[in-house]
C-alpha atoms as a PDB file:
ATOM      1  CA  MET A   1     -39.430  36.062 -60.460  1.00  0.00           C
ATOM      2  CA  PHE A   2     -41.113  35.034 -63.658  1.00  0.00           C
ATOM      3  CA  ASN A   3     -40.630  31.906 -65.624  1.00  0.00           C
ATOM      4  CA  GLY A   4     -41.580  31.164 -69.181  1.00  0.00           C
ATOM      5  CA  GLU A   5     -40.688  28.576 -71.855  1.00  0.00           C
ATOM      6  CA  VAL A   6     -40.743  28.431 -75.594  1.00  0.00           C
ATOM      7  CA  ILE A   7     -41.601  24.867 -76.445  1.00  0.00           C
ATOM      8  CA  ALA A   8     -42.216  25.224 -80.156  1.00  0.00           C
ATOM      9  CA  ASN A   9     -41.302  27.485 -82.913  1.00  0.00           C
ATOM     10  CA  GLY A  10     -43.786  26.578 -85.633  1.00  0.00           C
ATOM     11  CA  ASN A  11     -40.823  26.218 -88.002  1.00  0.00           C
ATOM     12  CA  ALA A  12     -39.685  29.574 -87.879  1.00  0.00           C
ATOM     13  CA  ALA A  13     -36.689  31.261 -86.038  1.00  0.00           C
ATOM     14  CA  VAL A  14     -37.840  32.588 -82.394  1.00  0.00           C
ATOM     15  CA  THR A  15     -36.074  36.120 -82.610  1.00  0.00           C
ATOM     16  CA  ALA A  16     -37.162  37.402 -79.323  1.00  0.00           C
ATOM     17  CA  ARG A  17     -38.610  36.071 -75.990  1.00  0.00           C
ATOM     18  CA  GLY A  18     -39.547  37.555 -72.713  1.00  0.00           C
ATOM     19  CA  PHE A  19     -42.409  39.302 -70.987  1.00  0.00           C
ATOM     20  CA  TRP A  20     -44.536  42.380 -71.568  1.00  0.00           C
ATOM     21  CA  ILE A  21     -45.815  44.060 -68.296  1.00  0.00           C
ATOM     22  CA  GLY A  22     -48.462  46.620 -68.106  1.00  0.00           C
ATOM     23  CA  PHE A  23     -49.328  48.782 -64.969  1.00  0.00           C
ATOM     24  CA  THR A  24     -52.578  50.442 -66.372  1.00  0.00           C
ATOM     25  CA  PRO A  25     -56.165  49.070 -66.855  1.00  0.00           C
ATOM     26  CA  ASN A  26     -55.618  48.973 -70.723  1.00  0.00           C
ATOM     27  CA  PRO A  27     -51.864  48.602 -71.243  1.00  0.00           C
ATOM     28  CA  SER A  28     -50.308  49.043 -74.681  1.00  0.00           C
ATOM     29  CA  ILE A  29     -46.839  48.925 -76.162  1.00  0.00           C
ATOM     30  CA  ASN A  30     -46.499  52.772 -75.303  1.00  0.00           C
ATOM     31  CA  ASN A  31     -47.105  52.489 -71.544  1.00  0.00           C
ATOM     32  CA  ALA A  32     -45.757  49.020 -70.808  1.00  0.00           C
ATOM     33  CA  ALA A  33     -42.460  47.433 -69.918  1.00  0.00           C
ATOM     34  CA  VAL A  34     -40.853  44.802 -72.348  1.00  0.00           C
ATOM     35  CA  ILE A  35     -38.316  42.568 -70.807  1.00  0.00           C
ATOM     36  CA  ASN A  36     -36.275  40.771 -73.527  1.00  0.00           C
ATOM     37  CA  VAL A  37     -34.436  37.599 -72.308  1.00  0.00           C
ATOM     38  CA  GLY A  38     -32.948  36.410 -75.593  1.00  0.00           C
ATOM     39  CA  ALA A  39     -34.105  34.099 -78.628  1.00  0.00           C
ATOM     40  CA  GLY A  40     -34.742  30.525 -79.332  1.00  0.00           C
ATOM     41  CA  THR A  41     -36.744  27.855 -77.785  1.00  0.00           C
ATOM     42  CA  GLY A  42     -36.112  26.595 -74.142  1.00  0.00           C
ATOM     43  CA  ALA A  43     -36.885  27.923 -70.615  1.00  0.00           C
ATOM     44  CA  PHE A  44     -36.081  31.398 -69.170  1.00  0.00           C
ATOM     45  CA  THR A  45     -36.229  33.224 -66.083  1.00  0.00           C
ATOM     46  CA  VAL A  46     -36.466  36.989 -65.160  1.00  0.00           C
ATOM     47  CA  ASN A  47     -35.883  38.462 -61.833  1.00  0.00           C
ATOM     48  CA  VAL A  48     -37.953  41.720 -61.435  1.00  0.00           C
ATOM     49  CA  ILE A  49     -37.368  43.894 -58.618  1.00  0.00           C
ATOM     50  CA  GLY A  50     -39.289  47.046 -57.267  1.00  0.00           C
ATOM     51  CA  MET A  51     -42.673  45.857 -57.975  1.00  0.00           C
ATOM     52  CA  SER A  52     -45.545  46.545 -55.223  1.00  0.00           C
ATOM     53  CA  ALA A  53     -47.649  43.733 -53.923  1.00  0.00           C
ATOM     54  CA  TYR A  54     -50.627  45.672 -54.183  1.00  0.00           C
ATOM     55  CA  THR A  55     -50.091  47.149 -57.600  1.00  0.00           C
ATOM     56  CA  PRO A  56     -52.592  45.579 -60.534  1.00  0.00           C
ATOM     57  CA  THR A  57     -50.269  44.142 -63.138  1.00  0.00           C
ATOM     58  CA  LEU A  58     -51.014  42.625 -66.503  1.00  0.00           C
ATOM     59  CA  LEU A  59     -48.208  40.171 -67.265  1.00  0.00           C
ATOM     60  CA  LEU A  60     -47.766  38.484 -70.755  1.00  0.00           C
ATOM     61  CA  MET A  61     -45.143  36.081 -72.272  1.00  0.00           C
ATOM     62  CA  CYS A  62     -44.146  37.266 -75.591  1.00  0.00           C
END
């Protein structure tokens, strides 16, 4: 389970929020998974299943 929160919008609309997950040493948008969980400010949670406990993973909140 991943948790995130958008606490400020910089006076602009938050049109998307979520997580970007890469499974390679140098992930790019072409070989990563993007999990979009809506828009706007506030807290959000994503349940991710099927990930191995021993797989190196890069997780970024976007």
